Amino acid sequence: MKLRLHGTPTECAAAAAQLRRTPGLTITDQSRPYPDRTGELVRVYLTVHLDHQGAATREGRDGRG
């Protein structure tokens, strides 16, 4: 799956770092920051893989599954 982050370079870096720590989600590729038309914002593209088995296990533990 492809995800696009859009924000300041600091916000995009923080969001990517948070996503890397998300259980059941593996980032396999991250693009460089591409400048947005506004000049201050950037776009960063992530290729991610969802671990469906890990997600199902978490749902069962927290009572939502």
N, C-alpha and C. Protein backbone atom coordinates (compact mmCIF):
# COMPACT_ATOMS: atom_id res chain seq x y z
N MET A 1 0.85 -1.14 0.00
CA MET A 1 0.00 0.00 0.00
C MET A 1 0.91 1.22 0.00
N LYS A 2 0.47 2.29 -0.67
CA LYS A 2 1.21 3.55 -0.68
C LYS A 2 0.49 4.55 0.22
N LEU A 3 1.26 5.25 1.03
CA LEU A 3 0.73 6.32 1.86
C LEU A 3 1.47 7.60 1.50
N ARG A 4 0.76 8.70 1.48
CA ARG A 4 1.40 9.99 1.23
C ARG A 4 1.27 10.83 2.48
N LEU A 5 2.41 11.32 2.96
CA LEU A 5 2.43 12.26 4.08
C LEU A 5 2.59 13.65 3.48
N HIS A 6 1.87 14.61 4.02
CA HIS A 6 1.91 15.98 3.50
C HIS A 6 1.96 16.91 4.68
N GLY A 7 3.02 17.71 4.76
CA GLY A 7 3.18 18.65 5.87
C GLY A 7 4.56 19.27 5.83
N THR A 8 4.97 19.83 6.95
CA THR A 8 6.32 20.38 7.02
C THR A 8 7.30 19.21 7.06
N PRO A 9 8.56 19.46 6.72
CA PRO A 9 9.54 18.37 6.81
C PRO A 9 9.59 17.74 8.20
N THR A 10 9.48 18.54 9.24
CA THR A 10 9.50 18.03 10.61
C THR A 10 8.28 17.16 10.89
N GLU A 11 7.11 17.61 10.46
CA GLU A 11 5.88 16.83 10.67
C GLU A 11 5.95 15.49 9.93
N CYS A 12 6.41 15.52 8.70
CA CYS A 12 6.49 14.27 7.92
C CYS A 12 7.48 13.30 8.54
N ALA A 13 8.61 13.80 9.01
CA ALA A 13 9.60 12.93 9.65
C ALA A 13 9.03 12.32 10.93
N ALA A 14 8.31 13.13 11.72
CA ALA A 14 7.71 12.63 12.96
C ALA A 14 6.63 11.60 12.67
N ALA A 15 5.80 11.85 11.65
CA ALA A 15 4.74 10.91 11.30
C ALA A 15 5.33 9.59 10.81
N ALA A 16 6.37 9.66 9.99
CA ALA A 16 7.02 8.43 9.49
C ALA A 16 7.62 7.64 10.64
N ALA A 17 8.25 8.34 11.59
CA ALA A 17 8.83 7.66 12.75
C ALA A 17 7.74 6.99 13.58
N GLN A 18 6.61 7.66 13.76
CA GLN A 18 5.49 7.08 14.52
C GLN A 18 4.94 5.85 13.81
N LEU A 19 4.80 5.93 12.49
CA LEU A 19 4.29 4.79 11.73
C LEU A 19 5.25 3.61 11.79
N ARG A 20 6.55 3.87 11.82
CA ARG A 20 7.54 2.79 11.94
C ARG A 20 7.38 2.03 13.26
N ARG A 21 6.87 2.68 14.28
CA ARG A 21 6.67 2.05 15.60
C ARG A 21 5.29 1.42 15.74
N THR A 22 4.46 1.50 14.71
CA THR A 22 3.10 0.97 14.78
C THR A 22 3.11 -0.54 14.58
N PRO A 23 2.66 -1.30 15.58
CA PRO A 23 2.62 -2.75 15.43
C PRO A 23 1.72 -3.16 14.26
N GLY A 24 2.15 -4.16 13.51
CA GLY A 24 1.36 -4.67 12.40
C GLY A 24 1.55 -3.88 11.12
N LEU A 25 2.41 -2.88 11.12
CA LEU A 25 2.65 -2.05 9.94
C LEU A 25 4.16 -2.01 9.70
N THR A 26 4.58 -2.39 8.51
CA THR A 26 6.00 -2.38 8.16
C THR A 26 6.22 -1.44 6.98
N ILE A 27 7.09 -0.47 7.15
CA ILE A 27 7.44 0.44 6.06
C ILE A 27 8.58 -0.20 5.29
N THR A 28 8.35 -0.46 3.99
CA THR A 28 9.37 -1.11 3.17
C THR A 28 10.13 -0.11 2.31
N ASP A 29 9.59 1.11 2.14
CA ASP A 29 10.27 2.12 1.34
C ASP A 29 9.77 3.50 1.75
N GLN A 30 10.67 4.48 1.74
CA GLN A 30 10.31 5.86 2.04
C GLN A 30 11.01 6.76 1.03
N SER A 31 10.24 7.64 0.39
CA SER A 31 10.81 8.55 -0.60
C SER A 31 11.50 9.72 0.09
N ARG A 32 12.23 10.45 -0.69
CA ARG A 32 12.79 11.70 -0.19
C ARG A 32 11.64 12.71 -0.10
N PRO A 33 11.80 13.79 0.63
CA PRO A 33 10.76 14.83 0.67
C PRO A 33 10.70 15.58 -0.67
N TYR A 34 9.53 15.63 -1.26
CA TYR A 34 9.32 16.39 -2.49
C TYR A 34 8.67 17.72 -2.14
N PRO A 35 9.21 18.84 -2.62
CA PRO A 35 8.62 20.14 -2.28
C PRO A 35 7.20 20.27 -2.85
N ASP A 36 6.34 20.87 -2.07
CA ASP A 36 4.98 21.15 -2.51
C ASP A 36 4.95 22.52 -3.21
N ARG A 37 3.89 22.81 -3.89
CA ARG A 37 3.79 24.10 -4.61
C ARG A 37 3.85 25.31 -3.69
N THR A 38 3.45 25.12 -2.43
CA THR A 38 3.41 26.24 -1.49
C THR A 38 4.80 26.71 -1.09
N GLY A 39 5.78 25.83 -1.21
CA GLY A 39 7.15 26.19 -0.86
C GLY A 39 7.57 25.78 0.53
N GLU A 40 6.64 25.70 1.48
CA GLU A 40 7.03 25.34 2.85
C GLU A 40 6.68 23.91 3.21
N LEU A 41 5.75 23.30 2.49
CA LEU A 41 5.33 21.93 2.79
C LEU A 41 6.01 20.95 1.83
N VAL A 42 6.05 19.69 2.26
CA VAL A 42 6.62 18.63 1.44
C VAL A 42 5.67 17.45 1.39
N ARG A 43 5.95 16.55 0.45
CA ARG A 43 5.24 15.27 0.34
C ARG A 43 6.27 14.17 0.50
N VAL A 44 5.93 13.17 1.29
CA VAL A 44 6.77 11.99 1.47
C VAL A 44 5.88 10.78 1.23
N TYR A 45 6.37 9.88 0.39
CA TYR A 45 5.60 8.68 0.05
C TYR A 45 6.19 7.47 0.77
N LEU A 46 5.32 6.69 1.39
CA LEU A 46 5.72 5.48 2.09
C LEU A 46 5.09 4.27 1.42
N THR A 47 5.85 3.21 1.28
CA THR A 47 5.30 1.93 0.87
C THR A 47 5.23 1.09 2.13
N VAL A 48 4.03 0.62 2.46
CA VAL A 48 3.85 -0.11 3.72
C VAL A 48 3.22 -1.47 3.45
N HIS A 49 3.47 -2.37 4.38
CA HIS A 49 2.90 -3.71 4.35
C HIS A 49 2.13 -3.90 5.66
N LEU A 50 0.88 -4.34 5.54
CA LEU A 50 0.07 -4.61 6.72
C LEU A 50 0.21 -6.07 7.12
N ASP A 51 0.50 -6.31 8.39
CA ASP A 51 0.58 -7.65 8.93
C ASP A 51 -0.80 -8.00 9.47
N HIS A 52 -1.62 -8.62 8.64
CA HIS A 52 -3.01 -8.91 9.02
C HIS A 52 -3.10 -9.87 10.20
N GLN A 53 -2.17 -10.80 10.31
CA GLN A 53 -2.19 -11.74 11.42
C GLN A 53 -1.93 -11.02 12.74
N GLY A 54 -0.97 -10.09 12.76
CA GLY A 54 -0.69 -9.32 13.97
C GLY A 54 -1.87 -8.44 14.36
N ALA A 55 -2.55 -7.87 13.36
CA ALA A 55 -3.72 -7.03 13.63
C ALA A 55 -4.84 -7.85 14.24
N ALA A 56 -5.06 -9.06 13.74
CA ALA A 56 -6.12 -9.92 14.27
C ALA A 56 -5.81 -10.31 15.71
N THR A 57 -4.55 -10.58 16.01
CA THR A 57 -4.16 -10.94 17.37
C THR A 57 -4.41 -9.77 18.33
N ARG A 58 -4.07 -8.57 17.92
CA ARG A 58 -4.30 -7.39 18.78
C ARG A 58 -5.79 -7.18 19.01
N GLU A 59 -6.62 -7.34 17.96
CA GLU A 59 -8.05 -7.14 18.13
C GLU A 59 -8.62 -8.12 19.14
N GLY A 60 -8.16 -9.36 19.10
CA GLY A 60 -8.65 -10.36 20.03
C GLY A 60 -8.27 -10.04 21.47
N ARG A 61 -7.11 -9.44 21.68
CA ARG A 61 -6.65 -9.10 23.03
C ARG A 61 -7.41 -7.93 23.62
N ASP A 62 -7.76 -6.95 22.78
CA ASP A 62 -8.38 -5.75 23.36
C ASP A 62 -9.91 -5.79 23.33
N GLY A 63 -10.48 -6.92 22.92
CA GLY A 63 -11.92 -7.09 22.98
C GLY A 63 -12.70 -6.49 21.83
N ARG A 64 -11.99 -5.94 20.84
CA ARG A 64 -12.71 -5.35 19.70
C ARG A 64 -12.92 -6.36 18.58
N GLY A 65 -12.31 -7.53 18.63
CA GLY A 65 -12.37 -8.46 17.51
C GLY A 65 -13.38 -9.50 17.59
